[in-house]
N, C-alpha and C. Protein backbone atom coordinates (compact mmCIF):
# COMPACT_ATOMS: atom_id res chain seq x y z
N MET A 1 0.62 -1.45 -0.14
CA MET A 1 -0.19 -0.01 0.18
C MET A 1 1.24 1.36 0.28
N ALA A 2 -0.08 2.66 -0.69
CA ALA A 2 1.10 3.32 -0.91
C ALA A 2 1.17 4.21 0.46
N LYS A 3 2.19 5.23 1.03
CA LYS A 3 2.24 5.71 2.41
C LYS A 3 1.97 7.03 1.96
N GLY A 4 0.88 7.67 2.88
CA GLY A 4 0.08 8.94 2.56
C GLY A 4 -1.06 8.84 2.10
N ILE A 5 -1.29 7.55 1.30
CA ILE A 5 -2.96 7.86 0.76
C ILE A 5 -4.00 7.05 1.33
N PRO A 6 -4.82 7.63 1.36
CA PRO A 6 -6.17 7.16 2.42
C PRO A 6 -6.76 5.84 2.05
N PRO A 7 -7.23 5.12 2.83
CA PRO A 7 -7.36 3.87 2.06
C PRO A 7 -8.80 3.81 0.96
N ALA A 8 -9.27 4.87 1.28
CA ALA A 8 -10.25 4.76 0.01
C ALA A 8 -9.89 5.07 -0.79
N ALA A 9 -8.75 6.38 -1.12
CA ALA A 9 -8.09 6.31 -2.21
C ALA A 9 -7.18 4.90 -2.83
N GLN A 10 -6.53 4.04 -2.15
CA GLN A 10 -5.90 3.37 -2.46
C GLN A 10 -6.76 1.89 -2.61
N ARG A 11 -8.16 1.93 -2.89
CA ARG A 11 -9.10 1.02 -3.23
C ARG A 11 -9.67 1.31 -4.63
N PHE A 12 -9.33 3.08 -5.08
CA PHE A 12 -9.41 3.41 -6.36
C PHE A 12 -8.42 3.01 -7.27
N LYS A 13 -7.15 3.33 -6.38
CA LYS A 13 -5.94 2.95 -7.16
C LYS A 13 -6.25 1.18 -7.66
N SER A 14 -6.19 0.65 -6.92
CA SER A 14 -6.25 -0.92 -7.17
C SER A 14 -7.18 -1.65 -8.27
N LYS A 15 -7.99 -0.50 -8.78
CA LYS A 15 -9.14 -0.71 -9.86
C LYS A 15 -8.51 -0.27 -11.10
N GLY A 16 -7.32 0.41 -11.23
CA GLY A 16 -7.10 1.21 -11.93
C GLY A 16 -7.24 2.54 -12.92
N LEU A 17 -7.53 3.16 -11.87
CA LEU A 17 -8.06 4.72 -11.79
C LEU A 17 -7.26 4.95 -11.13
N THR A 18 -6.88 6.68 -11.02
CA THR A 18 -6.23 7.38 -10.93
C THR A 18 -6.65 8.25 -10.24
N VAL A 19 -6.10 8.62 -8.69
CA VAL A 19 -6.93 9.48 -8.00
C VAL A 19 -5.60 10.68 -7.40
N ALA A 20 -5.97 11.79 -7.48
CA ALA A 20 -4.89 12.77 -7.15
C ALA A 20 -5.51 13.32 -6.02
N ILE A 21 -4.71 13.55 -5.08
CA ILE A 21 -5.04 13.83 -3.72
C ILE A 21 -4.60 15.14 -3.42
N THR A 22 -5.49 16.14 -3.36
CA THR A 22 -4.28 17.78 -3.02
C THR A 22 -4.63 18.25 -1.86
N PRO A 23 -4.02 17.95 -0.59
CA PRO A 23 -5.08 18.72 0.69
C PRO A 23 -4.81 20.21 1.08
N GLN A 24 -5.55 20.88 0.90
CA GLN A 24 -5.53 21.90 1.55
C GLN A 24 -5.72 22.35 3.05
N PRO A 25 -4.90 22.96 3.31
CA PRO A 25 -5.24 23.31 4.87
C PRO A 25 -5.84 24.17 5.14
N ASP A 26 -5.97 25.30 4.70
CA ASP A 26 -7.38 25.95 5.43
C ASP A 26 -8.47 25.39 5.20
N LEU A 27 -8.95 24.34 4.39
CA LEU A 27 -10.01 24.00 4.62
C LEU A 27 -10.08 22.88 5.16
N MET A 28 -9.44 21.58 5.69
CA MET A 28 -8.93 20.69 6.53
C MET A 28 -9.69 21.18 8.06
N SER A 29 -9.54 22.44 8.05
CA SER A 29 -10.14 22.80 9.08
C SER A 29 -11.68 23.01 9.90
N GLU A 30 -12.29 23.26 8.45
CA GLU A 30 -13.68 23.58 8.26
C GLU A 30 -14.36 21.98 7.62
N ARG A 31 -13.68 20.52 7.68
CA ARG A 31 -13.94 20.03 7.09
C ARG A 31 -15.58 19.51 7.64
N GLY A 32 -15.80 19.61 8.80
CA GLY A 32 -17.44 19.22 9.44
C GLY A 32 -18.06 19.99 8.85
N ASN A 33 -18.16 21.39 7.99
CA ASN A 33 -18.92 22.19 7.87
C ASN A 33 -19.89 22.32 6.65
N PHE A 34 -19.13 21.07 5.35
CA PHE A 34 -19.69 20.65 4.38
C PHE A 34 -20.57 20.07 4.41
N ARG A 35 -21.85 19.90 3.64
CA ARG A 35 -22.95 18.84 3.20
C ARG A 35 -22.74 18.36 1.57
N GLY A 36 -22.73 17.72 1.20
CA GLY A 36 -22.47 16.87 0.15
C GLY A 36 -22.08 15.62 0.06
N GLY A 37 -22.38 15.32 -0.99
CA GLY A 37 -21.94 13.93 -1.36
C GLY A 37 -22.86 12.66 -0.65
N ARG A 38 -22.62 11.57 -1.38
CA ARG A 38 -23.75 10.55 -0.74
C ARG A 38 -25.02 11.29 -0.62
N GLY A 39 -25.46 12.11 -1.34
CA GLY A 39 -26.87 12.12 -1.60
C GLY A 39 -27.20 13.14 -0.18
N ALA A 40 -28.74 13.09 0.23
CA ALA A 40 -28.74 14.11 1.14
C ALA A 40 -27.96 14.05 2.41
N ARG A 41 -27.40 13.03 2.81
CA ARG A 41 -26.77 12.73 3.76
C ARG A 41 -25.83 13.39 4.18
N GLY A 42 -24.83 14.21 3.80
CA GLY A 42 -23.92 15.07 4.29
C GLY A 42 -22.70 14.83 4.54
N ASP A 43 -22.24 15.16 5.65
CA ASP A 43 -20.77 14.37 6.41
C ASP A 43 -21.56 13.62 7.38
N ARG A 44 -22.40 13.23 7.68
CA ARG A 44 -23.15 12.43 8.79
C ARG A 44 -22.77 10.75 8.20
N GLY A 45 -21.46 10.16 8.60
CA GLY A 45 -21.24 8.83 8.32
C GLY A 45 -22.25 7.99 8.98
N GLY A 46 -22.25 6.99 8.60
CA GLY A 46 -22.22 5.47 9.58
C GLY A 46 -23.95 5.27 9.11
N ARG A 47 -24.08 4.26 10.13
CA ARG A 47 -26.08 3.69 9.92
C ARG A 47 -26.12 3.70 11.27
N GLY A 48 -26.94 4.91 11.39
CA GLY A 48 -27.72 5.30 12.73
C GLY A 48 -26.96 4.76 13.88
N GLY A 49 -27.58 4.76 15.20
CA GLY A 49 -26.40 4.87 16.65
C GLY A 49 -26.05 6.31 16.47
N GLY A 50 -25.44 6.67 17.78
CA GLY A 50 -24.59 7.70 17.92
C GLY A 50 -25.46 8.91 18.62
N GLU A 51 -24.76 9.94 18.60
CA GLU A 51 -25.98 11.27 18.81
C GLU A 51 -26.42 11.79 17.90
N ARG A 52 -27.08 12.44 18.06
CA ARG A 52 -27.33 13.35 16.59
C ARG A 52 -27.42 15.07 16.89
N GLY A 53 -26.98 15.68 16.11
CA GLY A 53 -26.94 17.10 16.27
C GLY A 53 -25.66 17.87 16.99
N GLY A 54 -24.40 17.50 16.29
CA GLY A 54 -23.17 17.57 17.52
C GLY A 54 -23.06 19.06 16.95
N ARG A 55 -23.33 19.88 15.99
CA ARG A 55 -23.14 21.26 16.22
C ARG A 55 -24.76 21.79 16.32
N GLY A 56 -25.66 21.38 16.94
CA GLY A 56 -27.00 22.23 16.80
C GLY A 56 -26.99 22.93 18.14
N GLY A 57 -27.01 22.64 19.28
CA GLY A 57 -26.26 23.53 20.56
C GLY A 57 -27.86 23.30 21.16
N SER A 58 -28.20 22.05 20.49
CA SER A 58 -29.67 22.15 21.41
C SER A 58 -29.58 21.59 22.59
N HIS A 59 -28.74 20.32 22.78
CA HIS A 59 -28.09 20.01 23.54
C HIS A 59 -27.70 20.11 24.77
N ALA A 60 -27.88 20.09 26.36
CA ALA A 60 -27.50 20.76 27.10
C ALA A 60 -25.78 20.26 27.22
N GLN A 61 -24.98 21.34 27.82
CA GLN A 61 -23.42 20.84 27.66
C GLN A 61 -23.27 21.09 29.62
N GLY A 62 -22.43 19.61 29.97
CA GLY A 62 -21.86 19.64 31.34
C GLY A 62 -23.43 19.66 32.52
N GLY A 63 -24.53 19.52 32.08
CA GLY A 63 -25.47 19.69 33.69
C GLY A 63 -26.78 18.55 32.91
N ASP A 64 -27.72 18.34 33.64
CA ASP A 64 -28.77 17.79 33.22
C ASP A 64 -29.83 18.78 33.51
N LYS A 65 -30.34 19.46 32.36
CA LYS A 65 -31.41 20.50 32.91
C LYS A 65 -32.58 19.86 32.38
N LYS A 66 -33.39 20.06 33.62
CA LYS A 66 -34.94 19.37 33.12
C LYS A 66 -35.25 20.85 32.60
N LYS A 67 -36.15 19.70 31.37
CA LYS A 67 -36.96 21.02 30.70
C LYS A 67 -38.39 21.03 31.11
N GLU A 68 -38.44 22.68 31.53
CA GLU A 68 -40.12 22.57 31.99
C GLU A 68 -40.85 22.74 30.95
N ASN A 69 -42.29 22.96 31.44
CA ASN A 69 -43.18 23.17 30.64
C ASN A 69 -43.43 24.40 30.70
N ILE A 70 -44.26 24.55 29.44
CA ILE A 70 -44.92 26.19 28.80
C ILE A 70 -46.15 26.43 30.16
N LEU A 71 -46.36 25.67 30.36
CA LEU A 71 -47.92 25.83 31.25
C LEU A 71 -47.25 25.09 32.97
N ASN A 72 -47.76 25.93 33.71
CA ASN A 72 -46.96 25.75 35.01
C ASN A 72 -48.21 24.81 36.07
N LEU A 73 -48.81 23.50 36.12
CA LEU A 73 -49.98 23.23 36.38
C LEU A 73 -49.90 22.46 37.93
N ASP A 74 -48.84 23.22 38.35
CA ASP A 74 -49.42 22.49 39.98
C ASP A 74 -50.63 23.08 40.45
N LYS A 75 -50.52 24.77 40.38
CA LYS A 75 -51.66 25.65 40.81
C LYS A 75 -52.92 24.95 40.38
N TYR A 76 -53.42 24.37 39.87
CA TYR A 76 -54.55 23.50 39.17
C TYR A 76 -55.15 22.22 39.72
N MET A 77 -53.76 21.70 40.42
CA MET A 77 -53.49 20.17 41.01
C MET A 77 -54.80 20.08 42.17
N ASP A 78 -55.79 19.02 41.99
CA ASP A 78 -57.12 19.27 42.77
C ASP A 78 -57.88 20.67 42.91
N LYS A 79 -58.11 20.99 41.30
CA LYS A 79 -58.77 21.43 40.89
C LYS A 79 -59.42 21.19 39.58
N GLU A 80 -60.83 22.10 39.65
CA GLU A 80 -61.63 21.41 38.10
C GLU A 80 -61.18 22.41 37.02
N ILE A 81 -61.06 21.94 36.23
CA ILE A 81 -60.39 22.22 34.74
C ILE A 81 -61.24 21.86 33.60
N THR A 82 -61.09 22.88 32.69
CA THR A 82 -61.89 22.28 31.56
C THR A 82 -60.48 21.89 30.51
N LEU A 83 -60.82 20.47 29.60
CA LEU A 83 -59.83 20.38 28.32
C LEU A 83 -60.62 20.19 27.12
N LYS A 84 -60.06 21.32 25.99
CA LYS A 84 -60.74 20.53 24.57
C LYS A 84 -59.64 20.07 24.09
N PHE A 85 -60.19 18.97 23.10
CA PHE A 85 -59.43 18.08 22.56
C PHE A 85 -59.01 18.10 20.82
N ASN A 86 -58.41 18.07 20.37
CA ASN A 86 -57.90 18.40 18.87
C ASN A 86 -58.94 17.86 18.17
N GLY A 87 -60.28 16.97 18.46
CA GLY A 87 -61.36 16.34 17.77
C GLY A 87 -62.69 17.48 17.88
N GLY A 88 -62.85 18.19 19.11
CA GLY A 88 -63.87 19.21 19.22
C GLY A 88 -64.32 18.55 20.60
N ARG A 89 -63.84 17.58 20.98
CA ARG A 89 -64.10 16.79 22.07
C ARG A 89 -64.16 17.98 23.63
N GLU A 90 -64.72 18.09 24.62
CA GLU A 90 -64.26 18.54 25.57
C GLU A 90 -64.99 17.97 27.11
N VAL A 91 -64.00 18.08 27.89
CA VAL A 91 -64.20 17.48 29.33
C VAL A 91 -63.75 18.55 30.38
N ILE A 92 -64.50 18.15 31.43
CA ILE A 92 -64.60 18.64 32.85
C ILE A 92 -64.03 17.36 33.88
N GLY A 93 -62.72 17.81 34.42
CA GLY A 93 -63.15 16.96 36.05
C GLY A 93 -61.94 17.80 36.69
N THR A 94 -61.08 16.81 37.44
CA THR A 94 -60.56 17.25 38.84
C THR A 94 -59.10 17.11 38.12
N LEU A 95 -58.47 17.55 38.36
CA LEU A 95 -56.73 17.58 37.94
C LEU A 95 -55.80 17.05 38.54
N LYS A 96 -55.52 15.68 38.61
CA LYS A 96 -54.85 14.85 39.78
C LYS A 96 -53.53 14.48 39.40
N GLY A 97 -52.90 14.72 38.34
CA GLY A 97 -51.63 14.55 38.20
C GLY A 97 -51.02 15.17 36.50
N TYR A 98 -49.75 15.09 36.48
CA TYR A 98 -49.42 15.36 34.88
C TYR A 98 -48.03 14.71 34.93
N ASP A 99 -47.53 15.24 33.64
CA ASP A 99 -46.02 14.59 33.02
C ASP A 99 -45.35 15.99 32.01
N GLN A 100 -43.93 16.04 31.93
CA GLN A 100 -43.24 16.55 31.07
C GLN A 100 -44.20 16.95 29.59
N LEU A 101 -44.97 15.81 29.25
CA LEU A 101 -45.63 15.73 27.91
C LEU A 101 -46.68 15.71 27.97
N MET A 102 -47.28 16.40 29.20
CA MET A 102 -48.43 17.47 29.39
C MET A 102 -49.90 16.63 28.96
N ASN A 103 -49.40 14.78 29.48
CA ASN A 103 -50.48 14.07 29.40
C ASN A 103 -50.99 14.17 30.97
N LEU A 104 -52.45 14.53 30.88
CA LEU A 104 -53.12 14.85 32.11
C LEU A 104 -53.84 13.46 32.86
N VAL A 105 -53.97 13.48 34.11
CA VAL A 105 -55.00 12.08 34.72
C VAL A 105 -55.85 12.77 35.05
N LEU A 106 -57.10 13.15 34.98
CA LEU A 106 -58.64 14.11 35.60
C LEU A 106 -59.05 12.65 36.07
N ASP A 107 -59.38 13.63 37.46
CA ASP A 107 -60.52 12.49 38.17
C ASP A 107 -62.30 13.00 38.05
N SER A 108 -63.10 12.19 38.40
CA SER A 108 -64.39 12.67 38.06
C SER A 108 -65.07 13.66 37.11
N VAL A 109 -64.44 12.65 36.15
CA VAL A 109 -64.82 13.88 34.50
C VAL A 109 -65.94 13.50 33.61
N LYS A 110 -66.37 14.80 33.06
CA LYS A 110 -67.63 14.70 32.62
C LYS A 110 -67.32 15.19 31.16
N GLU A 111 -67.98 14.73 30.32
CA GLU A 111 -67.76 14.97 28.68
C GLU A 111 -69.04 15.34 28.07
N ILE A 112 -68.90 16.92 28.02
CA ILE A 112 -69.84 17.83 27.55
C ILE A 112 -69.83 17.86 25.87
N THR A 113 -71.06 17.88 25.02
CA THR A 113 -71.20 17.43 24.24
C THR A 113 -72.37 18.58 23.71
N ARG A 114 -72.14 19.17 22.65
CA ARG A 114 -73.53 20.47 21.88
C ARG A 114 -73.72 20.02 20.49
N ASP A 115 -75.00 19.85 20.59
CA ASP A 115 -75.05 19.87 18.82
C ASP A 115 -75.38 20.97 18.18
N ASP A 116 -75.80 20.96 16.96
CA ASP A 116 -76.19 22.28 15.82
C ASP A 116 -76.55 23.30 16.28
N GLU A 117 -77.70 23.21 17.38
CA GLU A 117 -78.54 24.23 17.90
C GLU A 117 -77.96 24.51 19.35
N GLY A 118 -76.76 23.77 19.79
CA GLY A 118 -76.39 24.96 20.77
C GLY A 118 -77.09 24.05 22.38
N ASN A 119 -77.92 23.24 21.80
CA ASN A 119 -77.86 22.07 23.14
C ASN A 119 -76.90 21.07 23.82
N THR A 120 -76.53 21.64 25.09
CA THR A 120 -75.75 20.51 25.58
C THR A 120 -76.48 19.64 26.60
N SER A 121 -75.53 18.35 26.80
CA SER A 121 -75.64 17.19 27.33
C SER A 121 -74.29 16.36 27.91
N SER A 122 -74.35 16.61 29.02
CA SER A 122 -73.23 15.54 29.50
C SER A 122 -73.03 13.91 29.62
N ARG A 123 -72.15 13.31 29.83
CA ARG A 123 -72.38 11.94 30.31
C ARG A 123 -70.81 11.64 31.14
N ASN A 124 -70.88 11.27 32.32
CA ASN A 124 -69.68 10.63 33.44
C ASN A 124 -68.69 9.59 32.37
N LEU A 125 -67.35 10.10 32.75
CA LEU A 125 -66.60 8.98 32.26
C LEU A 125 -65.95 8.78 33.58
N GLY A 126 -65.92 9.14 34.54
CA GLY A 126 -64.75 8.63 36.16
C GLY A 126 -63.50 9.26 35.51
N LEU A 127 -62.37 8.11 35.57
CA LEU A 127 -61.31 8.75 35.45
C LEU A 127 -60.45 8.56 34.04
N LEU A 128 -59.90 9.58 34.41
CA LEU A 128 -59.51 9.78 32.54
C LEU A 128 -57.85 10.23 32.60
N VAL A 129 -57.13 9.62 31.63
CA VAL A 129 -56.04 10.15 31.15
C VAL A 129 -55.75 10.76 29.59
N ALA A 130 -55.66 12.01 29.54
CA ALA A 130 -55.60 12.55 28.34
C ALA A 130 -54.34 12.56 27.96
N ARG A 131 -53.89 12.41 26.34
CA ARG A 131 -52.86 13.01 26.00
C ARG A 131 -52.27 13.78 25.19
N GLY A 132 -51.51 14.06 25.83
CA GLY A 132 -50.77 15.55 25.66
C GLY A 132 -50.92 16.26 24.42
N THR A 133 -50.51 16.00 23.74
CA THR A 133 -50.43 15.89 21.98
C THR A 133 -51.72 16.32 21.46
N LEU A 134 -52.71 15.90 22.17
CA LEU A 134 -54.50 16.14 21.53
C LEU A 134 -55.15 17.34 22.11
N LEU A 135 -53.87 17.69 23.12
CA LEU A 135 -54.93 18.94 23.72
C LEU A 135 -54.89 20.62 23.39
N VAL A 136 -56.01 21.11 22.93
CA VAL A 136 -56.08 22.09 22.34
C VAL A 136 -56.03 23.43 23.44
N LEU A 137 -57.04 23.06 24.67
CA LEU A 137 -57.35 24.23 25.26
C LEU A 137 -57.00 23.44 26.74
N ILE A 138 -56.77 24.55 27.80
CA ILE A 138 -56.46 23.89 29.63
C ILE A 138 -56.95 25.20 30.05
N SER A 139 -57.87 24.88 31.20
CA SER A 139 -58.67 26.73 31.39
C SER A 139 -59.29 25.53 32.80
N PRO A 140 -59.16 26.53 33.67
CA PRO A 140 -59.65 26.46 34.98
C PRO A 140 -61.26 27.25 35.10
N VAL A 141 -61.99 26.11 35.36
CA VAL A 141 -63.34 26.35 35.80
C VAL A 141 -63.94 27.06 36.36
N ASP A 142 -62.78 27.65 37.74
CA ASP A 142 -62.94 28.89 38.70
C ASP A 142 -62.73 29.96 37.98
N GLY A 143 -63.72 30.83 37.61
CA GLY A 143 -63.51 32.29 37.02
C GLY A 143 -63.38 32.02 35.94
N SER A 144 -64.12 31.60 35.30
CA SER A 144 -64.50 31.61 33.89
C SER A 144 -65.90 31.20 33.62
N GLU A 145 -66.51 32.03 32.81
CA GLU A 145 -68.11 31.56 32.21
C GLU A 145 -68.32 32.03 31.09
N GLU A 146 -69.30 31.36 30.34
CA GLU A 146 -69.88 31.45 28.88
C GLU A 146 -70.62 32.17 28.48
N ILE A 147 -70.23 33.11 27.38
CA ILE A 147 -70.54 34.56 27.08
C ILE A 147 -70.96 33.68 25.70
N GLU A 148 -72.16 34.75 25.09
CA GLU A 148 -72.84 34.68 23.75
C GLU A 148 -71.67 35.26 22.48
N ASN A 149 -71.90 34.94 21.52
CA ASN A 149 -70.88 34.71 20.22
C ASN A 149 -71.48 36.28 19.74
N PRO A 150 -70.38 37.20 20.63
CA PRO A 150 -69.93 38.48 19.73
C PRO A 150 -69.87 38.66 18.32
N PHE A 151 -69.99 37.41 17.79
CA PHE A 151 -69.42 37.44 16.12
C PHE A 151 -70.64 37.21 15.64
N VAL A 152 -71.36 36.58 16.08
CA VAL A 152 -72.93 36.30 15.16
C VAL A 152 -73.76 37.49 15.09
N GLN A 153 -73.87 37.87 13.16
CA GLN A 153 -74.77 38.98 12.85
C GLN A 153 -76.18 38.73 13.04
N ALA A 154 -76.90 39.45 13.13
CA ALA A 154 -78.04 39.03 13.47
C ALA A 154 -79.01 39.46 11.68
N GLU A 155 -80.10 38.47 11.71
CA GLU A 155 -80.34 38.17 10.10
C GLU A 155 -81.36 39.26 9.88
N ASP A 156 -81.00 39.85 8.49
CA ASP A 156 -81.75 41.09 8.23
C ASP A 156 -83.18 40.56 7.43
N ASP A 157 -84.02 40.73 7.66
CA ASP A 157 -86.01 40.64 6.40
C ASP A 157 -85.50 41.48 5.77
N GLU A 158 -84.94 42.26 4.81
CA GLU A 158 -85.45 42.77 3.97
C GLU A 158 -84.92 42.00 2.22
């Protein structure tokens, strides 16, 4: 094997190809910043495994920072809250627990259903585990009241 030629270049040379290697010292320090070759994978070689995103800066360095929730639900523990879900369902129940993914555990839950005419009905569900990715709204029952829609225009009989 030739001295000073990388193994990949030696492989090409053994198949009868001529490979010219010209080291560029000013670009060698920036080696990890180029994306190219091998399709869209850039310079991230290998298959799977290892950590992702060495340059992104999103990983905490030197300490375990606990990711805080957007909403502090401690003040709503053991209090009644209203949840609205992605599909339009609405429930009212007592908050018993939650996790960092905003999955909630509610007790004494009632599901509120509304029809097209505005009539409401409810049914008891008991204990409920609500998946955080489906939540659209979390609001306390205390201090909130339902008002009429201010955007409904009166029908004109002209």
